[in-house]
């Protein structure tokens, strides 16, 4: 069962300008493991690629930023299905280490994935 990615919220500045050192090296992880499709590529003002999945889009960019200081929160419809899907797609992370995090009045069942490019992603399912 595939999870549905519902929203994407950047940790810092801009989900459409997530920094990577090497775009070509980063893309296979997002396409193969994370299930994103390439929407478009750009060479100016720097090399970048827009990726889409379900109703969300993100963009990876060779913009000189530090990938270890950025990432996104992805709200998914089912956190366990999301982890199982990523594992089936080749994620080498052994365990999800699920936990429940509180954001304001909303609780999310979450797990974290660090991409090979250093970007960190939190995937979370809203809890009742």
N, C-alpha and C. Protein backbone atom coordinates (compact mmCIF):
# COMPACT_ATOMS: atom_id res chain seq x y z
N UNK A 1 0.85 -1.18 0.00
CA UNK A 1 0.00 0.00 0.00
C UNK A 1 0.89 1.25 0.00
N UNK A 2 0.63 2.15 -0.93
CA UNK A 2 1.38 3.40 -0.99
C UNK A 2 0.76 4.43 -0.05
N UNK A 3 1.62 5.16 0.60
CA UNK A 3 1.17 6.26 1.44
C UNK A 3 0.88 7.47 0.55
N UNK A 4 0.01 8.33 1.02
CA UNK A 4 -0.28 9.58 0.32
C UNK A 4 0.43 10.71 1.07
N UNK A 5 1.25 11.45 0.33
CA UNK A 5 1.92 12.63 0.88
C UNK A 5 0.96 13.80 0.72
N UNK A 6 0.53 14.38 1.85
CA UNK A 6 -0.53 15.39 1.83
C UNK A 6 -0.01 16.82 1.81
N UNK A 7 1.03 17.11 2.60
CA UNK A 7 1.59 18.46 2.66
C UNK A 7 3.10 18.37 2.84
N UNK A 8 3.77 19.46 2.50
CA UNK A 8 5.22 19.57 2.71
C UNK A 8 5.49 20.94 3.32
N UNK A 9 6.18 20.94 4.45
CA UNK A 9 6.53 22.19 5.12
C UNK A 9 8.03 22.18 5.40
N UNK A 10 8.75 23.21 4.94
CA UNK A 10 10.20 23.24 5.15
C UNK A 10 10.53 23.54 6.61
N UNK A 11 11.69 23.04 7.07
CA UNK A 11 12.15 23.36 8.42
C UNK A 11 12.57 24.81 8.51
N UNK A 12 13.22 25.31 7.48
CA UNK A 12 13.76 26.67 7.52
C UNK A 12 13.04 27.55 6.50
N UNK A 13 13.69 27.76 5.38
CA UNK A 13 13.23 28.81 4.48
C UNK A 13 12.22 28.37 3.43
N UNK A 14 12.56 27.41 2.58
CA UNK A 14 11.81 27.25 1.35
C UNK A 14 11.85 25.81 0.84
N UNK A 15 10.72 25.13 0.80
CA UNK A 15 10.68 23.75 0.29
C UNK A 15 10.99 23.69 -1.20
N UNK A 16 10.97 24.83 -1.88
CA UNK A 16 11.27 24.88 -3.31
C UNK A 16 12.71 25.31 -3.56
N UNK A 17 13.56 25.21 -2.53
CA UNK A 17 14.96 25.60 -2.67
C UNK A 17 15.82 24.81 -1.67
N UNK A 18 15.57 23.49 -1.58
CA UNK A 18 16.30 22.64 -0.63
C UNK A 18 17.71 22.40 -1.15
N UNK A 19 18.73 22.70 -0.36
CA UNK A 19 20.11 22.65 -0.85
C UNK A 19 20.67 21.24 -0.97
N UNK A 20 21.30 20.98 -2.09
CA UNK A 20 22.08 19.75 -2.30
C UNK A 20 23.41 20.15 -2.93
N UNK A 21 24.43 19.37 -2.65
CA UNK A 21 25.74 19.66 -3.24
C UNK A 21 25.82 19.20 -4.69
N UNK A 22 25.15 18.06 -5.02
CA UNK A 22 25.20 17.50 -6.36
C UNK A 22 23.81 17.01 -6.74
N UNK A 23 23.15 17.75 -7.60
CA UNK A 23 21.78 17.43 -7.99
C UNK A 23 21.68 16.05 -8.63
N UNK A 24 22.59 15.75 -9.55
CA UNK A 24 22.53 14.46 -10.25
C UNK A 24 22.68 13.29 -9.30
N UNK A 25 23.54 13.43 -8.30
CA UNK A 25 23.73 12.36 -7.33
C UNK A 25 22.53 12.23 -6.39
N UNK A 26 21.83 13.32 -6.13
CA UNK A 26 20.70 13.32 -5.19
C UNK A 26 19.43 12.74 -5.80
N UNK A 27 19.18 12.99 -7.06
CA UNK A 27 17.89 12.64 -7.68
C UNK A 27 17.48 11.18 -7.55
N UNK A 28 18.37 10.20 -7.75
CA UNK A 28 17.91 8.80 -7.68
C UNK A 28 17.23 8.42 -6.37
N UNK A 29 17.71 8.93 -5.24
CA UNK A 29 17.09 8.62 -3.96
C UNK A 29 15.63 9.09 -3.92
N UNK A 30 15.40 10.30 -4.39
CA UNK A 30 14.05 10.87 -4.35
C UNK A 30 13.11 10.15 -5.31
N UNK A 31 13.62 9.77 -6.46
CA UNK A 31 12.79 9.11 -7.46
C UNK A 31 12.57 7.64 -7.11
N UNK A 32 13.60 6.94 -6.69
CA UNK A 32 13.49 5.51 -6.44
C UNK A 32 12.93 5.21 -5.05
N UNK A 33 13.54 5.77 -4.03
CA UNK A 33 13.16 5.44 -2.65
C UNK A 33 11.94 6.23 -2.19
N UNK A 34 11.94 7.55 -2.41
CA UNK A 34 10.86 8.40 -1.91
C UNK A 34 9.64 8.44 -2.82
N UNK A 35 9.77 7.98 -4.05
CA UNK A 35 8.62 7.90 -4.95
C UNK A 35 8.23 9.20 -5.63
N UNK A 36 9.14 10.16 -5.69
CA UNK A 36 8.86 11.43 -6.37
C UNK A 36 9.10 11.28 -7.87
N UNK A 37 8.41 12.08 -8.64
CA UNK A 37 8.59 12.16 -10.09
C UNK A 37 9.25 13.49 -10.42
N UNK A 38 10.09 13.48 -11.44
CA UNK A 38 10.71 14.72 -11.90
C UNK A 38 9.66 15.54 -12.64
N UNK A 39 9.45 16.78 -12.20
CA UNK A 39 8.47 17.68 -12.81
C UNK A 39 9.16 18.60 -13.81
N UNK A 40 10.30 19.19 -13.38
CA UNK A 40 11.04 20.08 -14.26
C UNK A 40 12.46 20.25 -13.76
N UNK A 41 13.32 20.73 -14.66
CA UNK A 41 14.72 21.02 -14.32
C UNK A 41 15.02 22.45 -14.74
N UNK A 42 15.95 23.07 -14.02
CA UNK A 42 16.34 24.44 -14.32
C UNK A 42 17.85 24.57 -14.17
N UNK A 43 18.45 25.43 -14.97
CA UNK A 43 19.89 25.69 -14.89
C UNK A 43 20.19 27.05 -14.26
N UNK A 44 19.19 27.93 -14.18
CA UNK A 44 19.40 29.28 -13.69
C UNK A 44 18.35 29.62 -12.64
N UNK A 45 18.67 30.29 -11.55
CA UNK A 45 19.96 30.89 -11.23
C UNK A 45 21.00 29.85 -10.80
N UNK A 46 20.58 28.59 -10.54
CA UNK A 46 21.49 27.49 -10.25
C UNK A 46 20.79 26.21 -10.68
N UNK A 47 21.54 25.12 -10.76
CA UNK A 47 20.94 23.85 -11.16
C UNK A 47 19.93 23.42 -10.11
N UNK A 48 18.74 23.06 -10.57
CA UNK A 48 17.69 22.63 -9.65
C UNK A 48 16.73 21.70 -10.36
N UNK A 49 15.95 21.00 -9.57
CA UNK A 49 14.92 20.10 -10.09
C UNK A 49 13.70 20.17 -9.19
N UNK A 50 12.54 20.30 -9.81
CA UNK A 50 11.27 20.25 -9.09
C UNK A 50 10.79 18.80 -9.13
N UNK A 51 10.42 18.29 -7.95
CA UNK A 51 9.94 16.92 -7.82
C UNK A 51 8.53 16.95 -7.25
N UNK A 52 7.69 16.05 -7.73
CA UNK A 52 6.32 16.00 -7.25
C UNK A 52 5.91 14.60 -6.85
N UNK A 53 5.02 14.55 -5.89
CA UNK A 53 4.43 13.30 -5.45
C UNK A 53 3.06 13.63 -4.88
N UNK A 54 2.05 12.90 -5.31
CA UNK A 54 0.69 13.16 -4.86
C UNK A 54 0.37 14.64 -5.08
N UNK A 55 0.01 15.39 -4.06
CA UNK A 55 -0.36 16.80 -4.25
C UNK A 55 0.74 17.76 -3.82
N UNK A 56 1.96 17.26 -3.58
CA UNK A 56 3.02 18.16 -3.11
C UNK A 56 4.15 18.27 -4.12
N UNK A 57 4.92 19.34 -3.97
CA UNK A 57 6.13 19.53 -4.75
C UNK A 57 7.22 20.06 -3.83
N UNK A 58 8.46 19.63 -4.14
CA UNK A 58 9.65 20.18 -3.50
C UNK A 58 10.66 20.45 -4.61
N UNK A 59 11.70 21.20 -4.31
CA UNK A 59 12.75 21.43 -5.29
C UNK A 59 14.11 21.31 -4.62
N UNK A 60 14.99 20.57 -5.29
CA UNK A 60 16.38 20.43 -4.86
C UNK A 60 17.20 21.40 -5.68
N UNK A 61 18.16 22.06 -5.03
CA UNK A 61 18.93 23.09 -5.74
C UNK A 61 20.39 23.09 -5.30
N UNK A 62 21.28 23.21 -6.27
CA UNK A 62 22.71 23.40 -5.99
C UNK A 62 22.93 24.89 -5.71
N UNK A 63 22.46 25.34 -4.54
CA UNK A 63 22.45 26.76 -4.22
C UNK A 63 23.51 27.18 -3.20
N UNK A 64 24.41 26.27 -2.84
CA UNK A 64 25.45 26.61 -1.88
C UNK A 64 25.04 26.47 -0.43
N UNK A 65 23.79 26.10 -0.16
CA UNK A 65 23.32 25.94 1.21
C UNK A 65 23.82 24.65 1.83
N UNK A 66 23.62 24.52 3.13
CA UNK A 66 24.05 23.36 3.89
C UNK A 66 22.88 22.38 4.05
N UNK A 67 22.92 21.23 3.36
CA UNK A 67 21.82 20.27 3.45
C UNK A 67 21.58 19.77 4.87
N UNK A 68 22.61 19.73 5.69
CA UNK A 68 22.43 19.20 7.05
C UNK A 68 21.62 20.15 7.93
N UNK A 69 21.32 21.34 7.44
CA UNK A 69 20.56 22.32 8.21
C UNK A 69 19.16 22.54 7.65
N UNK A 70 18.71 21.66 6.76
CA UNK A 70 17.42 21.88 6.11
C UNK A 70 16.73 20.54 5.87
N UNK A 71 15.49 20.60 5.49
CA UNK A 71 14.66 19.44 5.21
C UNK A 71 13.21 19.86 5.22
N UNK A 72 12.33 18.87 5.28
CA UNK A 72 10.88 19.13 5.27
C UNK A 72 10.16 18.17 6.20
N UNK A 73 9.00 18.63 6.63
CA UNK A 73 8.02 17.76 7.27
C UNK A 73 7.01 17.40 6.20
N UNK A 74 6.78 16.10 6.00
CA UNK A 74 5.76 15.62 5.07
C UNK A 74 4.63 15.03 5.89
N UNK A 75 3.43 15.60 5.76
CA UNK A 75 2.27 14.95 6.38
C UNK A 75 1.82 13.84 5.44
N UNK A 76 1.67 12.64 5.99
CA UNK A 76 1.24 11.48 5.21
C UNK A 76 -0.06 10.94 5.81
N UNK A 77 -0.78 10.18 5.00
CA UNK A 77 -2.04 9.63 5.50
C UNK A 77 -1.82 8.45 6.43
N UNK A 78 -0.66 7.77 6.32
CA UNK A 78 -0.40 6.58 7.12
C UNK A 78 1.12 6.44 7.30
N UNK A 79 1.61 6.70 8.49
CA UNK A 79 3.05 6.68 8.74
C UNK A 79 3.63 5.29 8.59
N UNK A 80 2.93 4.27 9.06
CA UNK A 80 3.46 2.90 8.94
C UNK A 80 3.52 2.47 7.48
N UNK A 81 2.52 2.82 6.69
CA UNK A 81 2.54 2.50 5.26
C UNK A 81 3.65 3.26 4.56
N UNK A 82 3.89 4.50 4.98
CA UNK A 82 4.96 5.30 4.37
C UNK A 82 6.31 4.65 4.61
N UNK A 83 6.57 4.22 5.84
CA UNK A 83 7.85 3.58 6.13
C UNK A 83 7.98 2.26 5.37
N UNK A 84 6.92 1.47 5.34
CA UNK A 84 6.96 0.19 4.62
C UNK A 84 7.22 0.42 3.14
N UNK A 85 6.61 1.44 2.55
CA UNK A 85 6.82 1.75 1.14
C UNK A 85 8.27 2.14 0.89
N UNK A 86 8.82 3.04 1.71
CA UNK A 86 10.21 3.47 1.53
C UNK A 86 11.16 2.29 1.67
N UNK A 87 10.92 1.40 2.64
CA UNK A 87 11.74 0.20 2.80
C UNK A 87 11.65 -0.68 1.56
N UNK A 88 10.46 -0.88 1.04
CA UNK A 88 10.28 -1.71 -0.16
C UNK A 88 10.98 -1.09 -1.36
N UNK A 89 11.12 0.24 -1.35
CA UNK A 89 11.77 0.96 -2.45
C UNK A 89 13.29 1.05 -2.29
N UNK A 90 13.82 0.49 -1.20
CA UNK A 90 15.27 0.46 -1.04
C UNK A 90 15.85 1.27 0.10
N UNK A 91 15.01 1.87 0.96
CA UNK A 91 15.53 2.59 2.12
C UNK A 91 16.32 1.62 2.99
N UNK A 92 17.55 1.96 3.33
CA UNK A 92 18.39 1.06 4.11
C UNK A 92 18.22 1.21 5.62
N UNK A 93 17.49 2.21 6.04
CA UNK A 93 17.22 2.44 7.47
C UNK A 93 16.49 1.22 8.02
N UNK A 94 17.02 0.64 9.10
CA UNK A 94 16.46 -0.60 9.63
C UNK A 94 15.10 -0.43 10.30
N UNK A 95 14.94 0.60 11.12
CA UNK A 95 13.71 0.76 11.90
C UNK A 95 13.20 2.19 11.78
N UNK A 96 11.89 2.32 11.88
CA UNK A 96 11.27 3.65 11.81
C UNK A 96 11.47 4.43 13.10
N UNK A 97 11.53 3.73 14.22
CA UNK A 97 11.59 4.39 15.53
C UNK A 97 10.48 5.44 15.67
N UNK A 98 9.26 4.99 15.41
CA UNK A 98 8.11 5.87 15.51
C UNK A 98 8.03 6.51 16.89
N UNK A 99 7.54 7.74 16.91
CA UNK A 99 7.25 8.43 18.16
C UNK A 99 6.09 9.37 17.87
N UNK A 100 5.49 9.90 18.93
CA UNK A 100 4.41 10.87 18.77
C UNK A 100 4.95 12.23 19.20
N UNK A 101 4.88 13.19 18.28
CA UNK A 101 5.31 14.57 18.54
C UNK A 101 4.08 15.47 18.55
N UNK A 102 4.09 16.45 19.42
CA UNK A 102 3.01 17.41 19.54
C UNK A 102 3.41 18.72 18.88
N UNK A 103 2.60 19.24 17.99
CA UNK A 103 2.80 20.55 17.36
C UNK A 103 1.55 21.37 17.61
N UNK A 104 1.63 22.27 18.57
CA UNK A 104 0.43 23.03 18.95
C UNK A 104 -0.59 22.07 19.53
N UNK A 105 -1.80 22.08 18.97
CA UNK A 105 -2.87 21.21 19.44
C UNK A 105 -2.92 19.88 18.69
N UNK A 106 -1.99 19.65 17.78
CA UNK A 106 -2.03 18.47 16.93
C UNK A 106 -0.88 17.52 17.23
N UNK A 107 -1.22 16.23 17.38
CA UNK A 107 -0.20 15.19 17.59
C UNK A 107 0.00 14.45 16.28
N UNK A 108 1.26 14.07 16.01
CA UNK A 108 1.61 13.31 14.81
C UNK A 108 2.44 12.10 15.21
N UNK A 109 2.14 10.96 14.60
CA UNK A 109 3.01 9.79 14.68
C UNK A 109 4.07 10.00 13.62
N UNK A 110 5.34 10.09 14.01
CA UNK A 110 6.39 10.50 13.08
C UNK A 110 7.55 9.51 13.04
N UNK A 111 8.30 9.59 11.94
CA UNK A 111 9.61 8.97 11.82
C UNK A 111 10.47 9.87 10.95
N UNK A 112 11.77 9.67 11.02
CA UNK A 112 12.72 10.54 10.32
C UNK A 112 13.54 9.74 9.32
N UNK A 113 13.86 10.40 8.21
CA UNK A 113 14.71 9.83 7.18
C UNK A 113 15.76 10.88 6.83
N UNK A 114 17.03 10.46 6.82
CA UNK A 114 18.10 11.34 6.36
C UNK A 114 18.47 10.87 4.96
N UNK A 115 18.30 11.75 3.99
CA UNK A 115 18.65 11.43 2.61
C UNK A 115 20.16 11.36 2.46
N UNK A 116 20.66 10.63 1.46
CA UNK A 116 22.11 10.57 1.25
C UNK A 116 22.76 11.94 1.05
N UNK A 117 21.98 12.92 0.59
CA UNK A 117 22.52 14.27 0.39
C UNK A 117 22.60 15.07 1.68
N UNK A 118 22.08 14.52 2.79
CA UNK A 118 22.15 15.17 4.09
C UNK A 118 20.87 15.86 4.53
N UNK A 119 19.92 16.03 3.62
CA UNK A 119 18.64 16.63 4.01
C UNK A 119 17.88 15.67 4.93
N UNK A 120 17.20 16.22 5.92
CA UNK A 120 16.45 15.42 6.89
C UNK A 120 14.96 15.61 6.65
N UNK A 121 14.23 14.50 6.67
CA UNK A 121 12.78 14.54 6.46
C UNK A 121 12.08 13.88 7.63
N UNK A 122 11.03 14.54 8.09
CA UNK A 122 10.13 13.99 9.10
C UNK A 122 8.84 13.66 8.40
N UNK A 123 8.39 12.42 8.49
CA UNK A 123 7.12 12.02 7.90
C UNK A 123 6.18 11.75 9.05
N UNK A 124 4.99 12.35 9.01
CA UNK A 124 4.08 12.24 10.12
C UNK A 124 2.64 12.07 9.74
N UNK A 125 1.95 11.27 10.54
CA UNK A 125 0.51 11.03 10.38
C UNK A 125 -0.22 11.68 11.54
N UNK A 126 -1.18 12.52 11.19
CA UNK A 126 -1.99 13.22 12.21
C UNK A 126 -2.73 12.19 13.07
N UNK A 127 -2.70 12.41 14.40
CA UNK A 127 -3.38 11.52 15.34
C UNK A 127 -4.64 12.20 15.88
N UNK A 128 -5.64 11.41 16.20
CA UNK A 128 -6.88 11.95 16.75
C UNK A 128 -6.75 12.15 18.25
